[in-house]
Amino acid sequence: MRITRLQITDMRRYRDLDVTLAPGLTVVRGPNEAGKTTIQRALELVLTRKATSASADLEGLRPWDADPDARPVIAIDFEQEDEDRVRQGHLEKAFRGPKGHVRLDIDGETTTDPARADELVAELTGLPTEAFFRSTASIRHHEVNDLARDEAALRDRLQASISGADRGTSRARKKLNGALAS
């Protein structure tokens, strides 16, 4: 899956963010408090968290100056390349506890059932859990400080993360295919 656009509403510093992502590797960098982690967390949530989650950490994600009932809404546009075609899709999740909702559109078919949408997203991405997402293709602040002066080490660390993600995605896809075949 390649994410082509990210939209974030009412999440931490972003009241309304809309970013188009270019093909290839995307690197998000900037000074402290620029919103890098919020972008990563938004992607993590939209790809792995149930929209109906009532987890306490979601309360801490809303902007401090937002209305009391404001909760994050995250949407992505994406492309999924299969053997014979490229599928276009859109995923939106509004995180409002039991009243949260999801809408997944792919190739003209729409899914609003939260459990089914999460199954389809896990199948498309190979990301079975939030913990798996956090462990792949991401470098945290403390790692950047150590790698900042050594471009080769940074490149090696990114490659190791991406390789780990590829292996994990392959394992997750095999597990999912096995479960679907049963």
C-alpha atoms as a PDB file:
ATOM      1  CA  MET A   1       0.000   0.000   0.000  1.00  0.00           C
ATOM      2  CA  ARG A   2       1.265   3.458  -0.883  1.00  0.00           C
ATOM      3  CA  ILE A   3      -0.336   6.377   0.922  1.00  0.00           C
ATOM      4  CA  THR A   4      -0.848   9.279  -1.464  1.00  0.00           C
ATOM      5  CA  ARG A   5      -2.612  11.747   0.834  1.00  0.00           C
ATOM      6  CA  LEU A   6      -3.000  12.275   4.580  1.00  0.00           C
ATOM      7  CA  GLN A   7      -5.671  14.406   6.241  1.00  0.00           C
ATOM      8  CA  ILE A   8      -5.742  15.066   9.981  1.00  0.00           C
ATOM      9  CA  THR A   9      -8.429  16.983  11.843  1.00  0.00           C
ATOM     10  CA  ASP A  10      -8.392  17.849  15.562  1.00  0.00           C
ATOM     11  CA  MET A  11      -5.287  15.933  16.552  1.00  0.00           C
ATOM     12  CA  ARG A  12      -2.688  17.558  18.787  1.00  0.00           C
ATOM     13  CA  ARG A  13      -1.256  20.586  16.950  1.00  0.00           C
ATOM     14  CA  TYR A  14      -3.221  19.918  13.759  1.00  0.00           C
ATOM     15  CA  ARG A  15      -6.708  21.341  13.603  1.00  0.00           C
ATOM     16  CA  ASP A  16      -6.741  20.726   9.836  1.00  0.00           C
ATOM     17  CA  LEU A  17      -3.787  19.223   7.942  1.00  0.00           C
ATOM     18  CA  ASP A  18      -3.938  18.007   4.348  1.00  0.00           C
ATOM     19  CA  VAL A  19      -0.714  16.634   2.812  1.00  0.00           C
ATOM     20  CA  THR A  20      -0.172  15.018  -0.563  1.00  0.00           C
ATOM     21  CA  LEU A  21       2.663  12.486  -0.484  1.00  0.00           C
ATOM     22  CA  ALA A  22       4.960  11.974  -3.451  1.00  0.00           C
ATOM     23  CA  PRO A  23       5.930   8.502  -4.688  1.00  0.00           C
ATOM     24  CA  GLY A  24       8.968   6.919  -3.050  1.00  0.00           C
ATOM     25  CA  LEU A  25      10.312   7.108   0.471  1.00  0.00           C
ATOM     26  CA  THR A  26       8.898   9.885   2.626  1.00  0.00           C
ATOM     27  CA  VAL A  27      11.065  11.356   5.361  1.00  0.00           C
ATOM     28  CA  VAL A  28       9.417  13.675   7.873  1.00  0.00           C
ATOM     29  CA  ARG A  29      11.890  15.876   9.688  1.00  0.00           C
ATOM     30  CA  GLY A  30      11.844  19.147  11.533  1.00  0.00           C
ATOM     31  CA  PRO A  31      12.554  20.806  14.871  1.00  0.00           C
ATOM     32  CA  ASN A  32      11.100  19.660  18.167  1.00  0.00           C
ATOM     33  CA  GLU A  33       7.360  20.244  18.489  1.00  0.00           C
ATOM     34  CA  ALA A  34       6.903  20.583  14.712  1.00  0.00           C
ATOM     35  CA  GLY A  35       4.341  17.753  14.612  1.00  0.00           C
ATOM     36  CA  LYS A  36       6.451  14.865  13.261  1.00  0.00           C
ATOM     37  CA  THR A  37       5.320  12.404  15.907  1.00  0.00           C
ATOM     38  CA  THR A  38       1.709  13.473  15.448  1.00  0.00           C
ATOM     39  CA  ILE A  39       1.913  12.553  11.765  1.00  0.00           C
ATOM     40  CA  GLN A  40       3.406   9.170  12.655  1.00  0.00           C
ATOM     41  CA  ARG A  41       0.760   8.593  15.341  1.00  0.00           C
ATOM     42  CA  ALA A  42      -2.025   9.573  12.924  1.00  0.00           C
ATOM     43  CA  LEU A  43      -0.835   6.998  10.400  1.00  0.00           C
ATOM     44  CA  GLU A  44      -0.535   4.412  13.147  1.00  0.00           C
ATOM     45  CA  LEU A  45      -4.085   5.097  14.338  1.00  0.00           C
ATOM     46  CA  VAL A  46      -5.767   5.120  10.941  1.00  0.00           C
ATOM     47  CA  LEU A  47      -4.019   1.909   9.891  1.00  0.00           C
ATOM     48  CA  THR A  48      -4.272  -0.103  13.125  1.00  0.00           C
ATOM     49  CA  ARG A  49      -6.695   1.330  15.727  1.00  0.00           C
ATOM     50  CA  LYS A  50     -10.410   0.613  15.875  1.00  0.00           C
ATOM     51  CA  ALA A  51     -12.450   3.760  15.286  1.00  0.00           C
ATOM     52  CA  THR A  52     -14.704   2.700  18.166  1.00  0.00           C
ATOM     53  CA  SER A  53     -11.803   2.483  20.608  1.00  0.00           C
ATOM     54  CA  ALA A  54     -12.500   4.239  23.894  1.00  0.00           C
ATOM     55  CA  SER A  55      -8.870   4.163  24.980  1.00  0.00           C
ATOM     56  CA  ALA A  56      -7.801   6.970  27.322  1.00  0.00           C
ATOM     57  CA  ASP A  57      -4.831   7.873  25.110  1.00  0.00           C
ATOM     58  CA  LEU A  58      -7.225   9.172  22.447  1.00  0.00           C
ATOM     59  CA  GLU A  59      -8.459  11.874  24.826  1.00  0.00           C
ATOM     60  CA  GLY A  60      -4.903  13.193  25.048  1.00  0.00           C
ATOM     61  CA  LEU A  61      -4.670  13.568  21.279  1.00  0.00           C
ATOM     62  CA  ARG A  62      -7.193  16.349  20.832  1.00  0.00           C
ATOM     63  CA  PRO A  63      -5.897  19.922  20.566  1.00  0.00           C
ATOM     64  CA  TRP A  64      -5.852  21.771  23.875  1.00  0.00           C
ATOM     65  CA  ASP A  65      -7.944  24.611  22.425  1.00  0.00           C
ATOM     66  CA  ALA A  66     -10.522  22.330  20.788  1.00  0.00           C
ATOM     67  CA  ASP A  67     -14.144  21.954  21.784  1.00  0.00           C
ATOM     68  CA  PRO A  68     -14.658  19.367  24.553  1.00  0.00           C
ATOM     69  CA  ASP A  69     -16.293  16.953  22.109  1.00  0.00           C
ATOM     70  CA  ALA A  70     -13.578  17.262  19.416  1.00  0.00           C
ATOM     71  CA  ARG A  71     -11.819  13.991  18.615  1.00  0.00           C
ATOM     72  CA  PRO A  72      -9.304  13.055  15.927  1.00  0.00           C
ATOM     73  CA  VAL A  73     -10.483  12.341  12.405  1.00  0.00           C
ATOM     74  CA  ILE A  74      -7.837  10.849  10.139  1.00  0.00           C
ATOM     75  CA  ALA A  75      -8.141  10.020   6.453  1.00  0.00           C
ATOM     76  CA  ILE A  76      -5.777   8.621   3.860  1.00  0.00           C
ATOM     77  CA  ASP A  77      -5.943   8.113   0.129  1.00  0.00           C
ATOM     78  CA  PHE A  78      -3.923   5.165  -1.070  1.00  0.00           C
ATOM     79  CA  GLU A  79      -2.941   2.941  -3.953  1.00  0.00           C
ATOM     80  CA  GLN A  80      -2.622  -0.820  -3.695  1.00  0.00           C
ATOM     81  CA  GLU A  81      -0.635  -2.500  -6.426  1.00  0.00           C
ATOM     82  CA  ASP A  82      -1.760  -6.050  -7.177  1.00  0.00           C
ATOM     83  CA  GLU A  83      -0.336  -8.459  -9.738  1.00  0.00           C
ATOM     84  CA  ASP A  84      -2.501  -7.132 -12.556  1.00  0.00           C
ATOM     85  CA  ARG A  85      -3.663  -3.650 -11.526  1.00  0.00           C
ATOM     86  CA  VAL A  86      -3.420  -0.675  -9.184  1.00  0.00           C
ATOM     87  CA  ARG A  87      -6.389  -0.284  -6.852  1.00  0.00           C
ATOM     88  CA  GLN A  88      -7.354   3.175  -5.532  1.00  0.00           C
ATOM     89  CA  GLY A  89      -8.751   3.620  -2.058  1.00  0.00           C
ATOM     90  CA  HIS A  90      -9.766   6.010   0.703  1.00  0.00           C
ATOM     91  CA  LEU A  91      -9.921   5.293   4.438  1.00  0.00           C
ATOM     92  CA  GLU A  92     -11.372   7.625   7.045  1.00  0.00           C
ATOM     93  CA  LYS A  93     -11.683   7.019  10.771  1.00  0.00           C
ATOM     94  CA  ALA A  94     -13.337   9.305  13.301  1.00  0.00           C
ATOM     95  CA  PHE A  95     -12.207   8.279  16.791  1.00  0.00           C
ATOM     96  CA  ARG A  96     -15.209   8.941  19.022  1.00  0.00           C
ATOM     97  CA  GLY A  97     -15.331   5.902  21.301  1.00  0.00           C
ATOM     98  CA  PRO A  98     -18.483   3.810  20.797  1.00  0.00           C
ATOM     99  CA  LYS A  99     -19.755   6.478  18.370  1.00  0.00           C
ATOM    100  CA  GLY A 100     -16.609   6.338  16.256  1.00  0.00           C
ATOM    101  CA  HIS A 101     -16.999   5.487  12.627  1.00  0.00           C
ATOM    102  CA  VAL A 102     -14.981   4.238   9.703  1.00  0.00           C
ATOM    103  CA  ARG A 103     -15.398   4.365   5.956  1.00  0.00           C
ATOM    104  CA  LEU A 104     -13.206   2.343   3.624  1.00  0.00           C
ATOM    105  CA  ASP A 105     -13.679   2.824  -0.117  1.00  0.00           C
ATOM    106  CA  ILE A 106     -11.662   0.667  -2.470  1.00  0.00           C
ATOM    107  CA  ASP A 107     -12.402   0.086  -6.123  1.00  0.00           C
ATOM    108  CA  GLY A 108     -15.934   1.452  -5.784  1.00  0.00           C
ATOM    109  CA  GLU A 109     -16.868  -0.762  -2.830  1.00  0.00           C
ATOM    110  CA  THR A 110     -17.586   0.814   0.540  1.00  0.00           C
ATOM    111  CA  THR A 111     -17.239  -0.731   3.995  1.00  0.00           C
ATOM    112  CA  THR A 112     -18.464   1.038   7.121  1.00  0.00           C
ATOM    113  CA  ASP A 113     -18.378  -1.936   9.493  1.00  0.00           C
ATOM    114  CA  PRO A 114     -15.420  -1.192  11.818  1.00  0.00           C
ATOM    115  CA  ALA A 115     -14.340  -4.824  12.253  1.00  0.00           C
ATOM    116  CA  ARG A 116     -14.515  -5.618   8.533  1.00  0.00           C
ATOM    117  CA  ALA A 117     -12.717  -2.390   7.588  1.00  0.00           C
ATOM    118  CA  ASP A 118      -9.897  -3.197  10.031  1.00  0.00           C
ATOM    119  CA  GLU A 119      -9.577  -6.722   8.577  1.00  0.00           C
ATOM    120  CA  LEU A 120      -9.321  -5.307   5.053  1.00  0.00           C
ATOM    121  CA  VAL A 121      -6.775  -2.661   6.083  1.00  0.00           C
ATOM    122  CA  ALA A 122      -4.621  -5.300   7.840  1.00  0.00           C
ATOM    123  CA  GLU A 123      -4.781  -7.395   4.664  1.00  0.00           C
ATOM    124  CA  LEU A 124      -3.844  -4.431   2.459  1.00  0.00           C
ATOM    125  CA  THR A 125      -0.981  -3.211   4.641  1.00  0.00           C
ATOM    126  CA  GLY A 126       0.301  -6.335   6.359  1.00  0.00           C
ATOM    127  CA  LEU A 127       0.209  -4.342   9.626  1.00  0.00           C
ATOM    128  CA  PRO A 128      -1.600  -6.532  12.154  1.00  0.00           C
ATOM    129  CA  THR A 129      -1.150  -4.353  15.276  1.00  0.00           C
ATOM    130  CA  GLU A 130      -0.073  -0.942  16.551  1.00  0.00           C
ATOM    131  CA  ALA A 131       3.014  -2.508  18.144  1.00  0.00           C
ATOM    132  CA  PHE A 132       4.044  -3.986  14.805  1.00  0.00           C
ATOM    133  CA  PHE A 133       3.614  -0.587  13.146  1.00  0.00           C
ATOM    134  CA  ARG A 134       5.796   1.072  15.780  1.00  0.00           C
ATOM    135  CA  SER A 135       8.577  -1.442  15.268  1.00  0.00           C
ATOM    136  CA  THR A 136       8.903  -1.001  11.498  1.00  0.00           C
ATOM    137  CA  ALA A 137      10.200   1.653   9.110  1.00  0.00           C
ATOM    138  CA  SER A 138      10.428   4.340  11.768  1.00  0.00           C
ATOM    139  CA  ILE A 139      13.292   6.011  13.568  1.00  0.00           C
ATOM    140  CA  ARG A 140      12.611   7.755  16.883  1.00  0.00           C
ATOM    141  CA  HIS A 141      14.095  11.027  18.191  1.00  0.00           C
ATOM    142  CA  HIS A 142      16.680   9.386  20.428  1.00  0.00           C
ATOM    143  CA  GLU A 143      17.952   7.309  17.507  1.00  0.00           C
ATOM    144  CA  VAL A 144      18.271  10.342  15.238  1.00  0.00           C
ATOM    145  CA  ASN A 145      20.575  12.105  17.705  1.00  0.00           C
ATOM    146  CA  ASP A 146      22.954   9.158  17.561  1.00  0.00           C
ATOM    147  CA  LEU A 147      22.721   8.892  13.770  1.00  0.00           C
ATOM    148  CA  ALA A 148      22.592  12.583  12.821  1.00  0.00           C
ATOM    149  CA  ARG A 149      26.295  12.904  12.039  1.00  0.00           C
ATOM    150  CA  ASP A 150      26.632   9.599  10.248  1.00  0.00           C
ATOM    151  CA  GLU A 151      24.603   9.465   7.032  1.00  0.00           C
ATOM    152  CA  ALA A 152      25.709   5.884   6.270  1.00  0.00           C
ATOM    153  CA  ALA A 153      24.532   4.697   9.703  1.00  0.00           C
ATOM    154  CA  LEU A 154      21.191   6.458   9.210  1.00  0.00           C
ATOM    155  CA  ARG A 155      20.790   4.818   5.795  1.00  0.00           C
ATOM    156  CA  ASP A 156      21.652   1.405   7.314  1.00  0.00           C
ATOM    157  CA  ARG A 157      19.130   1.915  10.143  1.00  0.00           C
ATOM    158  CA  LEU A 158      16.371   2.827   7.684  1.00  0.00           C
ATOM    159  CA  GLN A 159      17.189  -0.190   5.534  1.00  0.00           C
ATOM    160  CA  ALA A 160      17.096  -2.472   8.581  1.00  0.00           C
ATOM    161  CA  SER A 161      13.677  -1.090   9.560  1.00  0.00           C
ATOM    162  CA  ILE A 162      12.320  -1.507   6.049  1.00  0.00           C
ATOM    163  CA  SER A 163      13.711  -5.057   5.813  1.00  0.00           C
ATOM    164  CA  GLY A 164      12.118  -5.889   9.153  1.00  0.00           C
ATOM    165  CA  ALA A 165       8.819  -4.474   7.930  1.00  0.00           C
ATOM    166  CA  ASP A 166       9.037  -6.553   4.757  1.00  0.00           C
ATOM    167  CA  ARG A 167       9.653  -9.746   6.753  1.00  0.00           C
ATOM    168  CA  GLY A 168       6.857  -8.919   9.203  1.00  0.00           C
ATOM    169  CA  THR A 169       4.466  -8.047   6.407  1.00  0.00           C
ATOM    170  CA  SER A 170       5.208 -11.344   4.688  1.00  0.00           C
ATOM    171  CA  ARG A 171       4.585 -13.290   7.914  1.00  0.00           C
ATOM    172  CA  ALA A 172       1.365 -11.371   8.614  1.00  0.00           C
ATOM    173  CA  ARG A 173       0.091 -11.928   5.072  1.00  0.00           C
ATOM    174  CA  LYS A 174       0.822 -15.687   5.287  1.00  0.00           C
ATOM    175  CA  LYS A 175      -0.965 -15.873   8.647  1.00  0.00           C
ATOM    176  CA  LEU A 176      -3.949 -13.972   7.280  1.00  0.00           C
ATOM    177  CA  ASN A 177      -4.129 -16.128   4.142  1.00  0.00           C
ATOM    178  CA  GLY A 178      -3.981 -19.244   6.316  1.00  0.00           C
ATOM    179  CA  ALA A 179      -6.801 -17.978   8.501  1.00  0.00           C
ATOM    180  CA  LEU A 180      -8.930 -17.062   5.478  1.00  0.00           C
ATOM    181  CA  ALA A 181      -8.368 -20.497   3.924  1.00  0.00           C
ATOM    182  CA  SER A 182      -9.525 -22.291   7.083  1.00  0.00           C
END
